[in-house]
Amino acid sequence: MAKVWFVRPHNRLIALGGRLVYEGSLDSFLWPLDIGLHRFYTEGGLFPDTEPLPQEFAREDLVLVEVTPADVSPGTNYRVGFYSSPYSPKAALARLGPREGRNE
């Protein structure tokens, strides 16, 4: 299952709220978050934040989609790692809808 994270880059990638925001099939995130092959961001990991998800996001906050080995099927050109969305966390929430029932 692909994972959507809200991240703040501060000398390392900090996962806001300390956990993923959405989880689902990679296909469910490609179009709404504009995740193309050219948006590969990093293979590196994220560092969890100990604070809750902020009510207001900073301008530099990112939306990253984590592609896991289970998401990489034969014939796909996506690879394991993180892809960046051009949308802000606020816009991603609006595009993906309510988080209830989408993860965990």
N, C-alpha and C. Protein backbone atom coordinates (compact mmCIF):
# COMPACT_ATOMS: atom_id res chain seq x y z
N MET A 1 0.84 -1.19 0.00
CA MET A 1 0.00 0.00 0.00
C MET A 1 0.88 1.24 0.00
N ALA A 2 0.56 2.17 -0.87
CA ALA A 2 1.27 3.45 -0.92
C ALA A 2 0.86 4.30 0.28
N LYS A 3 1.74 5.18 0.68
CA LYS A 3 1.49 6.01 1.86
C LYS A 3 1.71 7.47 1.51
N VAL A 4 0.85 8.33 2.02
CA VAL A 4 0.98 9.78 1.82
C VAL A 4 1.42 10.39 3.14
N TRP A 5 2.48 11.18 3.06
CA TRP A 5 3.05 11.84 4.23
C TRP A 5 3.06 13.35 4.00
N PHE A 6 2.84 14.12 5.06
CA PHE A 6 3.08 15.54 5.04
C PHE A 6 4.42 15.75 5.73
N VAL A 7 5.33 16.45 5.07
CA VAL A 7 6.72 16.50 5.50
C VAL A 7 7.21 17.94 5.55
N ARG A 8 8.02 18.21 6.55
CA ARG A 8 8.69 19.52 6.65
C ARG A 8 10.19 19.29 6.52
N PRO A 9 10.82 19.86 5.48
CA PRO A 9 12.26 19.69 5.32
C PRO A 9 13.03 20.66 6.23
N HIS A 10 13.68 20.14 7.26
CA HIS A 10 14.51 20.93 8.18
C HIS A 10 15.79 20.14 8.44
N ASN A 11 16.76 20.24 7.55
CA ASN A 11 18.01 19.48 7.62
C ASN A 11 17.78 17.98 7.48
N ARG A 12 16.58 17.55 7.56
CA ARG A 12 16.15 16.18 7.31
C ARG A 12 14.65 16.25 7.08
N LEU A 13 14.06 15.19 6.61
CA LEU A 13 12.63 15.18 6.31
C LEU A 13 11.85 14.75 7.54
N ILE A 14 11.09 15.68 8.11
CA ILE A 14 10.31 15.45 9.32
C ILE A 14 8.87 15.11 8.94
N ALA A 15 8.40 13.93 9.33
CA ALA A 15 7.02 13.52 9.07
C ALA A 15 6.11 14.24 10.05
N LEU A 16 5.34 15.20 9.56
CA LEU A 16 4.45 15.98 10.42
C LEU A 16 3.41 15.09 11.07
N GLY A 17 3.20 15.31 12.34
CA GLY A 17 2.25 14.48 13.09
C GLY A 17 2.81 13.12 13.45
N GLY A 18 4.02 12.80 12.96
CA GLY A 18 4.67 11.54 13.31
C GLY A 18 4.11 10.30 12.65
N ARG A 19 3.19 10.47 11.70
CA ARG A 19 2.60 9.30 11.06
C ARG A 19 2.06 9.66 9.68
N LEU A 20 1.75 8.62 8.91
CA LEU A 20 1.23 8.86 7.57
C LEU A 20 -0.16 9.49 7.63
N VAL A 21 -0.54 10.12 6.55
CA VAL A 21 -1.84 10.81 6.50
C VAL A 21 -2.87 9.95 5.77
N TYR A 22 -2.47 9.30 4.70
CA TYR A 22 -3.35 8.40 3.95
C TYR A 22 -2.56 7.15 3.59
N GLU A 23 -3.30 6.07 3.37
CA GLU A 23 -2.72 4.84 2.88
C GLU A 23 -3.72 4.21 1.92
N GLY A 24 -3.23 3.72 0.80
CA GLY A 24 -4.12 3.12 -0.19
C GLY A 24 -3.33 2.64 -1.39
N SER A 25 -4.04 2.25 -2.42
CA SER A 25 -3.36 1.79 -3.63
C SER A 25 -2.65 2.97 -4.28
N LEU A 26 -1.53 2.70 -4.89
CA LEU A 26 -0.77 3.74 -5.57
C LEU A 26 -1.64 4.44 -6.61
N ASP A 27 -2.44 3.67 -7.33
CA ASP A 27 -3.31 4.24 -8.35
C ASP A 27 -4.26 5.30 -7.80
N SER A 28 -4.67 5.15 -6.54
CA SER A 28 -5.61 6.12 -5.96
C SER A 28 -4.98 7.48 -5.67
N PHE A 29 -3.65 7.55 -5.72
CA PHE A 29 -2.96 8.81 -5.44
C PHE A 29 -2.31 9.45 -6.68
N LEU A 30 -2.11 8.68 -7.73
CA LEU A 30 -1.39 9.19 -8.90
C LEU A 30 -2.03 10.44 -9.51
N TRP A 31 -3.30 10.36 -9.87
CA TRP A 31 -3.97 11.50 -10.52
C TRP A 31 -4.28 12.63 -9.54
N PRO A 32 -4.88 12.35 -8.39
CA PRO A 32 -5.23 13.47 -7.50
C PRO A 32 -4.02 14.27 -7.01
N LEU A 33 -2.88 13.60 -6.85
CA LEU A 33 -1.70 14.30 -6.34
C LEU A 33 -0.66 14.57 -7.42
N ASP A 34 -0.98 14.25 -8.67
CA ASP A 34 -0.10 14.50 -9.81
C ASP A 34 1.28 13.88 -9.60
N ILE A 35 1.29 12.59 -9.32
CA ILE A 35 2.54 11.87 -9.06
C ILE A 35 2.98 11.18 -10.34
N GLY A 36 3.96 11.77 -11.00
CA GLY A 36 4.53 11.18 -12.21
C GLY A 36 5.92 10.65 -11.93
N LEU A 37 6.44 9.90 -12.87
CA LEU A 37 7.78 9.32 -12.71
C LEU A 37 8.84 10.40 -12.51
N HIS A 38 8.64 11.55 -13.11
CA HIS A 38 9.61 12.64 -13.01
C HIS A 38 9.63 13.30 -11.63
N ARG A 39 8.72 12.92 -10.76
CA ARG A 39 8.64 13.52 -9.43
C ARG A 39 9.34 12.68 -8.35
N PHE A 40 10.19 11.73 -8.76
CA PHE A 40 10.92 10.96 -7.75
C PHE A 40 11.72 11.92 -6.89
N TYR A 41 11.63 11.75 -5.57
CA TYR A 41 12.24 12.71 -4.64
C TYR A 41 13.43 12.12 -3.90
N THR A 42 13.26 10.98 -3.27
CA THR A 42 14.35 10.36 -2.50
C THR A 42 14.03 8.91 -2.17
N GLU A 43 15.07 8.16 -1.91
CA GLU A 43 14.91 6.80 -1.39
C GLU A 43 15.00 6.81 0.13
N GLY A 44 15.50 7.91 0.69
CA GLY A 44 15.74 8.01 2.13
C GLY A 44 14.47 7.96 2.95
N GLY A 45 14.67 7.77 4.25
CA GLY A 45 13.54 7.66 5.16
C GLY A 45 13.13 9.00 5.76
N LEU A 46 12.07 8.96 6.54
CA LEU A 46 11.55 10.14 7.21
C LEU A 46 11.79 10.01 8.71
N PHE A 47 11.88 11.15 9.37
CA PHE A 47 12.02 11.18 10.82
C PHE A 47 10.69 11.61 11.41
N PRO A 48 10.16 10.86 12.38
CA PRO A 48 8.84 11.20 12.94
C PRO A 48 8.89 12.45 13.81
N ASP A 49 7.85 13.23 13.73
CA ASP A 49 7.67 14.39 14.59
C ASP A 49 6.90 13.92 15.81
N THR A 50 7.15 14.51 16.95
CA THR A 50 6.44 14.10 18.17
C THR A 50 5.22 14.96 18.44
N GLU A 51 5.02 15.99 17.63
CA GLU A 51 3.87 16.88 17.78
C GLU A 51 2.71 16.38 16.92
N PRO A 52 1.47 16.75 17.27
CA PRO A 52 0.33 16.39 16.40
C PRO A 52 0.43 17.12 15.06
N LEU A 53 -0.33 16.63 14.10
CA LEU A 53 -0.38 17.27 12.79
C LEU A 53 -0.80 18.73 12.96
N PRO A 54 -0.06 19.69 12.40
CA PRO A 54 -0.39 21.10 12.61
C PRO A 54 -1.72 21.48 11.96
N GLN A 55 -2.37 22.47 12.56
CA GLN A 55 -3.61 23.00 11.99
C GLN A 55 -3.31 23.89 10.78
N GLU A 56 -2.18 24.58 10.83
CA GLU A 56 -1.72 25.43 9.73
C GLU A 56 -0.38 24.89 9.23
N PHE A 57 -0.22 24.84 7.93
CA PHE A 57 1.01 24.32 7.35
C PHE A 57 1.91 25.48 6.94
N ALA A 58 3.22 25.22 6.96
CA ALA A 58 4.20 26.20 6.52
C ALA A 58 4.33 26.13 5.00
N ARG A 59 4.81 27.21 4.43
CA ARG A 59 4.96 27.28 2.97
C ARG A 59 5.87 26.17 2.43
N GLU A 60 6.88 25.78 3.20
CA GLU A 60 7.84 24.78 2.71
C GLU A 60 7.40 23.34 2.92
N ASP A 61 6.27 23.11 3.57
CA ASP A 61 5.79 21.75 3.80
C ASP A 61 5.50 21.04 2.48
N LEU A 62 5.82 19.76 2.45
CA LEU A 62 5.68 18.95 1.24
C LEU A 62 4.66 17.83 1.43
N VAL A 63 4.17 17.34 0.31
CA VAL A 63 3.37 16.11 0.28
C VAL A 63 4.23 15.08 -0.45
N LEU A 64 4.55 14.00 0.24
CA LEU A 64 5.32 12.92 -0.37
C LEU A 64 4.49 11.65 -0.38
N VAL A 65 4.57 10.93 -1.49
CA VAL A 65 3.91 9.63 -1.61
C VAL A 65 5.01 8.57 -1.58
N GLU A 66 4.89 7.68 -0.61
CA GLU A 66 5.86 6.60 -0.47
C GLU A 66 5.39 5.38 -1.26
N VAL A 67 6.22 4.97 -2.19
CA VAL A 67 5.94 3.77 -2.98
C VAL A 67 6.70 2.62 -2.32
N THR A 68 5.97 1.60 -1.93
CA THR A 68 6.56 0.44 -1.24
C THR A 68 6.82 -0.68 -2.24
N PRO A 69 7.59 -1.69 -1.86
CA PRO A 69 7.82 -2.82 -2.76
C PRO A 69 6.51 -3.46 -3.25
N ALA A 70 5.48 -3.49 -2.42
CA ALA A 70 4.20 -4.07 -2.82
C ALA A 70 3.53 -3.28 -3.94
N ASP A 71 3.87 -2.00 -4.09
CA ASP A 71 3.27 -1.15 -5.12
C ASP A 71 3.95 -1.31 -6.47
N VAL A 72 5.14 -1.87 -6.49
CA VAL A 72 5.92 -1.98 -7.72
C VAL A 72 5.63 -3.33 -8.35
N SER A 73 4.80 -3.31 -9.37
CA SER A 73 4.43 -4.54 -10.06
C SER A 73 5.13 -4.59 -11.41
N PRO A 74 5.22 -5.79 -12.01
CA PRO A 74 5.84 -5.89 -13.34
C PRO A 74 5.15 -4.94 -14.33
N GLY A 75 5.93 -4.27 -15.10
CA GLY A 75 5.39 -3.36 -16.11
C GLY A 75 5.28 -1.92 -15.65
N THR A 76 5.49 -1.67 -14.35
CA THR A 76 5.45 -0.29 -13.88
C THR A 76 6.85 0.29 -13.88
N ASN A 77 6.95 1.57 -14.06
CA ASN A 77 8.25 2.23 -14.02
C ASN A 77 8.48 2.96 -12.71
N TYR A 78 7.50 2.90 -11.81
CA TYR A 78 7.70 3.50 -10.49
C TYR A 78 8.68 2.63 -9.73
N ARG A 79 9.44 3.25 -8.83
CA ARG A 79 10.38 2.50 -8.01
C ARG A 79 10.15 2.81 -6.54
N VAL A 80 10.66 1.99 -5.69
CA VAL A 80 10.50 2.17 -4.26
C VAL A 80 11.17 3.47 -3.84
N GLY A 81 10.46 4.25 -3.06
CA GLY A 81 10.97 5.53 -2.58
C GLY A 81 9.84 6.53 -2.45
N PHE A 82 10.21 7.80 -2.39
CA PHE A 82 9.25 8.87 -2.19
C PHE A 82 9.15 9.75 -3.44
N TYR A 83 7.92 10.08 -3.80
CA TYR A 83 7.63 10.97 -4.92
C TYR A 83 6.96 12.22 -4.36
N SER A 84 7.33 13.37 -4.88
CA SER A 84 6.76 14.63 -4.37
C SER A 84 5.56 15.04 -5.21
N SER A 85 4.60 15.61 -4.54
CA SER A 85 3.42 16.17 -5.20
C SER A 85 3.63 17.67 -5.33
N PRO A 86 3.12 18.29 -6.39
CA PRO A 86 3.23 19.74 -6.50
C PRO A 86 2.24 20.46 -5.59
N TYR A 87 1.34 19.72 -4.96
CA TYR A 87 0.30 20.32 -4.13
C TYR A 87 0.76 20.47 -2.68
N SER A 88 0.22 21.46 -2.01
CA SER A 88 0.48 21.68 -0.59
C SER A 88 -0.31 20.65 0.22
N PRO A 89 0.04 20.47 1.50
CA PRO A 89 -0.76 19.57 2.33
C PRO A 89 -2.23 19.98 2.38
N LYS A 90 -2.50 21.27 2.45
CA LYS A 90 -3.89 21.74 2.49
C LYS A 90 -4.63 21.35 1.21
N ALA A 91 -3.98 21.54 0.06
CA ALA A 91 -4.59 21.17 -1.22
C ALA A 91 -4.75 19.66 -1.33
N ALA A 92 -3.79 18.90 -0.81
CA ALA A 92 -3.89 17.43 -0.85
C ALA A 92 -5.08 16.95 -0.03
N LEU A 93 -5.30 17.55 1.13
CA LEU A 93 -6.47 17.19 1.94
C LEU A 93 -7.76 17.44 1.17
N ALA A 94 -7.83 18.57 0.47
CA ALA A 94 -9.02 18.91 -0.31
C ALA A 94 -9.21 17.94 -1.48
N ARG A 95 -8.11 17.54 -2.12
CA ARG A 95 -8.19 16.66 -3.29
C ARG A 95 -8.50 15.21 -2.92
N LEU A 96 -8.02 14.75 -1.75
CA LEU A 96 -8.21 13.35 -1.36
C LEU A 96 -9.43 13.13 -0.48
N GLY A 97 -9.94 14.18 0.11
CA GLY A 97 -11.14 14.04 0.94
C GLY A 97 -10.83 13.63 2.36
N PRO A 98 -11.88 13.30 3.10
CA PRO A 98 -11.73 12.97 4.52
C PRO A 98 -10.75 11.82 4.75
N ARG A 99 -9.99 11.92 5.82
CA ARG A 99 -9.02 10.88 6.14
C ARG A 99 -9.65 9.71 6.85
N GLU A 100 -10.81 9.87 7.45
CA GLU A 100 -11.46 8.79 8.18
C GLU A 100 -11.69 7.61 7.25
N GLY A 101 -11.27 6.45 7.70
CA GLY A 101 -11.47 5.25 6.90
C GLY A 101 -10.47 5.06 5.78
N ARG A 102 -9.55 6.01 5.59
CA ARG A 102 -8.57 5.91 4.52
C ARG A 102 -7.28 5.25 4.97
N ASN A 103 -7.01 5.22 6.27
CA ASN A 103 -5.80 4.56 6.75
C ASN A 103 -6.08 3.88 8.09
N GLU A 104 -5.14 3.05 8.51
CA GLU A 104 -5.19 2.26 9.73
C GLU A 104 -6.36 1.37 9.68
